[in-house]
Amino acid sequence: GTEVDMDFGHYERFLGIKTAGKQNLTS
């Protein structure tokens, strides 16, 4: 349910994995 930067779309589409909100850091 975490809303993240669109680069996470690239990560998941390329790697075939599911990422998590903890992997997105903002200031």
PDB file of all heavy atoms in Angstrom:
ATOM      1  N   GLY A   1       0.776  -1.225   0.000  1.00  0.00           N
ATOM      2  CA  GLY A   1       0.000   0.000   0.000  1.00  0.00           C
ATOM      3  C   GLY A   1       0.810   1.278   0.000  1.00  0.00           C
ATOM      4  O   GLY A   1       0.246   2.368  -0.068  1.00  0.00           O
ATOM      5  N   THR A   2       2.121   1.182   0.048  1.00  0.00           N
ATOM      6  CA  THR A   2       2.957   2.385   0.044  1.00  0.00           C
ATOM      7  C   THR A   2       2.940   3.026  -1.344  1.00  0.00           C
ATOM      8  O   THR A   2       3.079   2.342  -2.360  1.00  0.00           O
ATOM      9  CB  THR A   2       4.408   2.038   0.428  1.00  0.00           C
ATOM     10  OG1 THR A   2       4.412   1.320   1.662  1.00  0.00           O
ATOM     11  CG2 THR A   2       5.230   3.310   0.599  1.00  0.00           C
ATOM     12  N   GLU A   3       2.762   4.347  -1.367  1.00  0.00           N
ATOM     13  CA  GLU A   3       2.837   5.101  -2.613  1.00  0.00           C
ATOM     14  C   GLU A   3       4.279   5.565  -2.798  1.00  0.00           C
ATOM     15  O   GLU A   3       4.837   6.223  -1.920  1.00  0.00           O
ATOM     16  CB  GLU A   3       1.887   6.299  -2.560  1.00  0.00           C
ATOM     17  CG  GLU A   3       0.421   5.881  -2.462  1.00  0.00           C
ATOM     18  CD  GLU A   3      -0.491   7.050  -2.152  1.00  0.00           C
ATOM     19  OE1 GLU A   3      -0.419   7.573  -1.025  1.00  0.00           O
ATOM     20  OE2 GLU A   3      -1.274   7.440  -3.029  1.00  0.00           O
ATOM     21  N   VAL A   4       4.858   5.216  -3.930  1.00  0.00           N
ATOM     22  CA  VAL A   4       6.290   5.429  -4.124  1.00  0.00           C
ATOM     23  C   VAL A   4       6.587   6.042  -5.490  1.00  0.00           C
ATOM     24  O   VAL A   4       5.722   6.171  -6.345  1.00  0.00           O
ATOM     25  CB  VAL A   4       7.081   4.101  -3.972  1.00  0.00           C
ATOM     26  CG1 VAL A   4       7.005   3.576  -2.550  1.00  0.00           C
ATOM     27  CG2 VAL A   4       6.559   3.054  -4.954  1.00  0.00           C
ATOM     28  N   ASP A   5       7.862   6.385  -5.658  1.00  0.00           N
ATOM     29  CA  ASP A   5       8.370   6.924  -6.914  1.00  0.00           C
ATOM     30  C   ASP A   5       8.217   5.891  -8.032  1.00  0.00           C
ATOM     31  O   ASP A   5       8.303   4.681  -7.796  1.00  0.00           O
ATOM     32  CB  ASP A   5       9.855   7.276  -6.721  1.00  0.00           C
ATOM     33  CG  ASP A   5      10.471   7.930  -7.928  1.00  0.00           C
ATOM     34  OD1 ASP A   5      10.405   9.163  -8.020  1.00  0.00           O
ATOM     35  OD2 ASP A   5      11.021   7.204  -8.775  1.00  0.00           O
ATOM     36  N   MET A   6       8.011   6.385  -9.258  1.00  0.00           N
ATOM     37  CA  MET A   6       7.787   5.493 -10.388  1.00  0.00           C
ATOM     38  C   MET A   6       8.981   4.605 -10.718  1.00  0.00           C
ATOM     39  O   MET A   6       8.833   3.589 -11.421  1.00  0.00           O
ATOM     40  CB  MET A   6       7.383   6.293 -11.619  1.00  0.00           C
ATOM     41  CG  MET A   6       8.394   7.298 -12.100  1.00  0.00           C
ATOM     42  SD  MET A   6       7.780   8.263 -13.512  1.00  0.00           S
ATOM     43  CE  MET A   6       7.709   6.992 -14.774  1.00  0.00           C
ATOM     44  N   ASP A   7      10.165   4.927 -10.186  1.00  0.00           N
ATOM     45  CA  ASP A   7      11.319   4.044 -10.410  1.00  0.00           C
ATOM     46  C   ASP A   7      11.086   2.664  -9.824  1.00  0.00           C
ATOM     47  O   ASP A   7      11.664   1.679 -10.307  1.00  0.00           O
ATOM     48  CB  ASP A   7      12.591   4.657  -9.809  1.00  0.00           C
ATOM     49  CG  ASP A   7      13.205   5.712 -10.724  1.00  0.00           C
ATOM     50  OD1 ASP A   7      12.996   5.640 -11.941  1.00  0.00           O
ATOM     51  OD2 ASP A   7      13.878   6.631 -10.221  1.00  0.00           O
ATOM     52  N   PHE A   8      10.241   2.566  -8.791  1.00  0.00           N
ATOM     53  CA  PHE A   8       9.931   1.243  -8.242  1.00  0.00           C
ATOM     54  C   PHE A   8       9.193   0.390  -9.269  1.00  0.00           C
ATOM     55  O   PHE A   8       9.281  -0.839  -9.244  1.00  0.00           O
ATOM     56  CB  PHE A   8       9.127   1.377  -6.949  1.00  0.00           C
ATOM     57  CG  PHE A   8       9.982   1.632  -5.748  1.00  0.00           C
ATOM     58  CD1 PHE A   8      10.346   2.926  -5.412  1.00  0.00           C
ATOM     59  CD2 PHE A   8      10.445   0.597  -4.963  1.00  0.00           C
ATOM     60  CE1 PHE A   8      11.160   3.183  -4.321  1.00  0.00           C
ATOM     61  CE2 PHE A   8      11.259   0.834  -3.861  1.00  0.00           C
ATOM     62  CZ  PHE A   8      11.624   2.131  -3.549  1.00  0.00           C
ATOM     63  N   GLY A   9       8.468   1.049 -10.170  1.00  0.00           N
ATOM     64  CA  GLY A   9       7.854   0.310 -11.264  1.00  0.00           C
ATOM     65  C   GLY A   9       8.902  -0.342 -12.141  1.00  0.00           C
ATOM     66  O   GLY A   9       8.768  -1.504 -12.542  1.00  0.00           O
ATOM     67  N   HIS A  10       9.982   0.393 -12.433  1.00  0.00           N
ATOM     68  CA  HIS A  10      11.079  -0.186 -13.212  1.00  0.00           C
ATOM     69  C   HIS A  10      11.704  -1.370 -12.468  1.00  0.00           C
ATOM     70  O   HIS A  10      11.963  -2.418 -13.072  1.00  0.00           O
ATOM     71  CB  HIS A  10      12.158   0.859 -13.487  1.00  0.00           C
ATOM     72  CG  HIS A  10      11.690   2.031 -14.293  1.00  0.00           C
ATOM     73  ND1 HIS A  10      10.875   1.902 -15.386  1.00  0.00           N
ATOM     74  CD2 HIS A  10      11.934   3.371 -14.160  1.00  0.00           C
ATOM     75  CE1 HIS A  10      10.627   3.094 -15.908  1.00  0.00           C
ATOM     76  NE2 HIS A  10      11.254   3.998 -15.177  1.00  0.00           N
ATOM     77  N   TYR A  11      11.939  -1.200 -11.171  1.00  0.00           N
ATOM     78  CA  TYR A  11      12.560  -2.287 -10.391  1.00  0.00           C
ATOM     79  C   TYR A  11      11.713  -3.560 -10.486  1.00  0.00           C
ATOM     80  O   TYR A  11      12.229  -4.651 -10.748  1.00  0.00           O
ATOM     81  CB  TYR A  11      12.707  -1.899  -8.924  1.00  0.00           C
ATOM     82  CG  TYR A  11      13.461  -0.618  -8.628  1.00  0.00           C
ATOM     83  CD1 TYR A  11      13.183   0.113  -7.474  1.00  0.00           C
ATOM     84  CD2 TYR A  11      14.441  -0.140  -9.484  1.00  0.00           C
ATOM     85  CE1 TYR A  11      13.864   1.287  -7.174  1.00  0.00           C
ATOM     86  CE2 TYR A  11      15.121   1.032  -9.200  1.00  0.00           C
ATOM     87  CZ  TYR A  11      14.829   1.749  -8.046  1.00  0.00           C
ATOM     88  OH  TYR A  11      15.492   2.910  -7.753  1.00  0.00           O
ATOM     89  N   GLU A  12      10.417  -3.411 -10.252  1.00  0.00           N
ATOM     90  CA  GLU A  12       9.551  -4.596 -10.224  1.00  0.00           C
ATOM     91  C   GLU A  12       9.356  -5.188 -11.614  1.00  0.00           C
ATOM     92  O   GLU A  12       9.342  -6.411 -11.776  1.00  0.00           O
ATOM     93  CB  GLU A  12       8.205  -4.249  -9.594  1.00  0.00           C
ATOM     94  CG  GLU A  12       8.306  -3.889  -8.110  1.00  0.00           C
ATOM     95  CD  GLU A  12       6.982  -4.008  -7.380  1.00  0.00           C
ATOM     96  OE1 GLU A  12       5.958  -4.299  -8.033  1.00  0.00           O
ATOM     97  OE2 GLU A  12       6.959  -3.806  -6.148  1.00  0.00           O
ATOM     98  N   ARG A  13       9.221  -4.332 -12.621  1.00  0.00           N
ATOM     99  CA  ARG A  13       9.005  -4.830 -13.988  1.00  0.00           C
ATOM    100  C   ARG A  13      10.236  -5.547 -14.528  1.00  0.00           C
ATOM    101  O   ARG A  13      10.124  -6.529 -15.255  1.00  0.00           O
ATOM    102  CB  ARG A  13       8.624  -3.677 -14.917  1.00  0.00           C
ATOM    103  CG  ARG A  13       7.223  -3.144 -14.684  1.00  0.00           C
ATOM    104  CD  ARG A  13       6.802  -2.162 -15.757  1.00  0.00           C
ATOM    105  NE  ARG A  13       7.370  -0.839 -15.567  1.00  0.00           N
ATOM    106  CZ  ARG A  13       6.775   0.149 -14.918  1.00  0.00           C
ATOM    107  NH1 ARG A  13       5.598  -0.052 -14.355  1.00  0.00           N
ATOM    108  NH2 ARG A  13       7.339   1.337 -14.811  1.00  0.00           N
ATOM    109  N   PHE A  14      11.418  -5.050 -14.197  1.00  0.00           N
ATOM    110  CA  PHE A  14      12.650  -5.673 -14.675  1.00  0.00           C
ATOM    111  C   PHE A  14      12.974  -6.945 -13.895  1.00  0.00           C
ATOM    112  O   PHE A  14      13.366  -7.953 -14.484  1.00  0.00           O
ATOM    113  CB  PHE A  14      13.827  -4.697 -14.551  1.00  0.00           C
ATOM    114  CG  PHE A  14      13.943  -3.720 -15.696  1.00  0.00           C
ATOM    115  CD1 PHE A  14      12.895  -2.889 -16.051  1.00  0.00           C
ATOM    116  CD2 PHE A  14      15.114  -3.620 -16.425  1.00  0.00           C
ATOM    117  CE1 PHE A  14      13.004  -1.978 -17.098  1.00  0.00           C
ATOM    118  CE2 PHE A  14      15.246  -2.719 -17.480  1.00  0.00           C
ATOM    119  CZ  PHE A  14      14.177  -1.902 -17.818  1.00  0.00           C
ATOM    120  N   LEU A  15      12.847  -6.891 -12.589  1.00  0.00           N
ATOM    121  CA  LEU A  15      13.317  -7.985 -11.750  1.00  0.00           C
ATOM    122  C   LEU A  15      12.258  -9.045 -11.454  1.00  0.00           C
ATOM    123  O   LEU A  15      12.586 -10.134 -10.984  1.00  0.00           O
ATOM    124  CB  LEU A  15      13.852  -7.438 -10.424  1.00  0.00           C
ATOM    125  CG  LEU A  15      15.044  -6.476 -10.538  1.00  0.00           C
ATOM    126  CD1 LEU A  15      15.400  -5.896  -9.178  1.00  0.00           C
ATOM    127  CD2 LEU A  15      16.252  -7.172 -11.145  1.00  0.00           C
ATOM    128  N   GLY A  16      10.997  -8.717 -11.697  1.00  0.00           N
ATOM    129  CA  GLY A  16       9.931  -9.666 -11.389  1.00  0.00           C
ATOM    130  C   GLY A  16       9.782  -9.903  -9.909  1.00  0.00           C
ATOM    131  O   GLY A  16       9.467 -11.026  -9.469  1.00  0.00           O
ATOM    132  N   ILE A  17      10.014  -8.862  -9.098  1.00  0.00           N
ATOM    133  CA  ILE A  17       9.944  -8.987  -7.645  1.00  0.00           C
ATOM    134  C   ILE A  17       8.880  -8.045  -7.090  1.00  0.00           C
ATOM    135  O   ILE A  17       8.333  -7.208  -7.803  1.00  0.00           O
ATOM    136  CB  ILE A  17      11.300  -8.646  -6.985  1.00  0.00           C
ATOM    137  CG1 ILE A  17      11.689  -7.186  -7.296  1.00  0.00           C
ATOM    138  CG2 ILE A  17      12.387  -9.609  -7.457  1.00  0.00           C
ATOM    139  CD1 ILE A  17      12.911  -6.697  -6.539  1.00  0.00           C
ATOM    140  N   LYS A  18       8.592  -8.194  -5.807  1.00  0.00           N
ATOM    141  CA  LYS A  18       7.697  -7.282  -5.097  1.00  0.00           C
ATOM    142  C   LYS A  18       8.520  -6.514  -4.076  1.00  0.00           C
ATOM    143  O   LYS A  18       9.172  -7.112  -3.218  1.00  0.00           O
ATOM    144  CB  LYS A  18       6.570  -8.055  -4.416  1.00  0.00           C
ATOM    145  CG  LYS A  18       5.644  -8.757  -5.393  1.00  0.00           C
ATOM    146  CD  LYS A  18       4.614  -9.611  -4.685  1.00  0.00           C
ATOM    147  CE  LYS A  18       3.712 -10.328  -5.692  1.00  0.00           C
ATOM    148  NZ  LYS A  18       2.732 -11.223  -5.021  1.00  0.00           N
ATOM    149  N   THR A  19       8.497  -5.219  -4.191  1.00  0.00           N
ATOM    150  CA  THR A  19       9.250  -4.383  -3.256  1.00  0.00           C
ATOM    151  C   THR A  19       8.341  -3.937  -2.116  1.00  0.00           C
ATOM    152  O   THR A  19       7.129  -4.147  -2.136  1.00  0.00           O
ATOM    153  CB  THR A  19       9.846  -3.159  -3.971  1.00  0.00           C
ATOM    154  OG1 THR A  19       8.803  -2.463  -4.655  1.00  0.00           O
ATOM    155  CG2 THR A  19      10.903  -3.586  -4.985  1.00  0.00           C
ATOM    156  N   ALA A  20       8.939  -3.296  -1.104  1.00  0.00           N
ATOM    157  CA  ALA A  20       8.191  -2.886   0.086  1.00  0.00           C
ATOM    158  C   ALA A  20       8.442  -1.420   0.386  1.00  0.00           C
ATOM    159  O   ALA A  20       9.444  -0.833  -0.053  1.00  0.00           O
ATOM    160  CB  ALA A  20       8.602  -3.748   1.281  1.00  0.00           C
ATOM    161  N   GLY A  21       7.541  -0.829   1.154  1.00  0.00           N
ATOM    162  CA  GLY A  21       7.632   0.585   1.490  1.00  0.00           C
ATOM    163  C   GLY A  21       8.919   0.972   2.180  1.00  0.00           C
ATOM    164  O   GLY A  21       9.392   2.104   2.049  1.00  0.00           O
ATOM    165  N   LYS A  22       9.513   0.034   2.925  1.00  0.00           N
ATOM    166  CA  LYS A  22      10.766   0.315   3.626  1.00  0.00           C
ATOM    167  C   LYS A  22      11.903   0.629   2.674  1.00  0.00           C
ATOM    168  O   LYS A  22      12.915   1.217   3.074  1.00  0.00           O
ATOM    169  CB  LYS A  22      11.164  -0.874   4.503  1.00  0.00           C
ATOM    170  CG  LYS A  22      10.410  -0.965   5.818  1.00  0.00           C
ATOM    171  CD  LYS A  22      11.020  -2.013   6.712  1.00  0.00           C
ATOM    172  CE  LYS A  22      10.368  -2.010   8.091  1.00  0.00           C
ATOM    173  NZ  LYS A  22      11.003  -3.003   9.001  1.00  0.00           N
ATOM    174  N   GLN A  23      11.738   0.237   1.419  1.00  0.00           N
ATOM    175  CA  GLN A  23      12.805   0.458   0.438  1.00  0.00           C
ATOM    176  C   GLN A  23      12.760   1.859  -0.178  1.00  0.00           C
ATOM    177  O   GLN A  23      13.623   2.209  -0.959  1.00  0.00           O
ATOM    178  CB  GLN A  23      12.707  -0.607  -0.656  1.00  0.00           C
ATOM    179  CG  GLN A  23      13.035  -2.014  -0.167  1.00  0.00           C
ATOM    180  CD  GLN A  23      12.572  -3.103  -1.107  1.00  0.00           C
ATOM    181  OE1 GLN A  23      11.700  -3.906  -0.789  1.00  0.00           O
ATOM    182  NE2 GLN A  23      13.160  -3.135  -2.293  1.00  0.00           N
ATOM    183  N   ASN A  24      11.769   2.649   0.196  1.00  0.00           N
ATOM    184  CA  ASN A  24      11.648   4.014  -0.305  1.00  0.00           C
ATOM    185  C   ASN A  24      11.905   5.008   0.820  1.00  0.00           C
ATOM    186  O   ASN A  24      11.152   5.079   1.778  1.00  0.00           O
ATOM    187  CB  ASN A  24      10.250   4.233  -0.894  1.00  0.00           C
ATOM    188  CG  ASN A  24      10.078   5.585  -1.553  1.00  0.00           C
ATOM    189  OD1 ASN A  24       9.009   6.165  -1.575  1.00  0.00           O
ATOM    190  ND2 ASN A  24      11.159   6.118  -2.117  1.00  0.00           N
ATOM    191  N   LEU A  25      12.985   5.758   0.703  1.00  0.00           N
ATOM    192  CA  LEU A  25      13.333   6.781   1.695  1.00  0.00           C
ATOM    193  C   LEU A  25      13.178   8.156   1.060  1.00  0.00           C
ATOM    194  O   LEU A  25      13.608   8.371  -0.071  1.00  0.00           O
ATOM    195  CB  LEU A  25      14.781   6.622   2.171  1.00  0.00           C
ATOM    196  CG  LEU A  25      15.070   5.602   3.277  1.00  0.00           C
ATOM    197  CD1 LEU A  25      14.776   4.189   2.815  1.00  0.00           C
ATOM    198  CD2 LEU A  25      16.530   5.716   3.713  1.00  0.00           C
ATOM    199  N   THR A  26      12.556   9.064   1.772  1.00  0.00           N
ATOM    200  CA  THR A  26      12.519  10.465   1.363  1.00  0.00           C
ATOM    201  C   THR A  26      13.033  11.308   2.524  1.00  0.00           C
ATOM    202  O   THR A  26      12.996  10.870   3.682  1.00  0.00           O
ATOM    203  CB  THR A  26      11.095  10.935   1.006  1.00  0.00           C
ATOM    204  OG1 THR A  26      10.313  11.026   2.209  1.00  0.00           O
ATOM    205  CG2 THR A  26      10.426   9.979   0.035  1.00  0.00           C
ATOM    206  N   SER A  27      13.492  12.507   2.218  1.00  0.00           N
ATOM    207  CA  SER A  27      13.926  13.397   3.302  1.00  0.00           C
ATOM    208  C   SER A  27      12.779  13.620   4.269  1.00  0.00           C
ATOM    209  O   SER A  27      12.970  13.625   5.491  1.00  0.00           O
ATOM    210  CB  SER A  27      14.395  14.741   2.740  1.00  0.00           C
ATOM    211  OG  SER A  27      15.599  14.585   2.025  1.00  0.00           O
TER     212      SER A  27
END
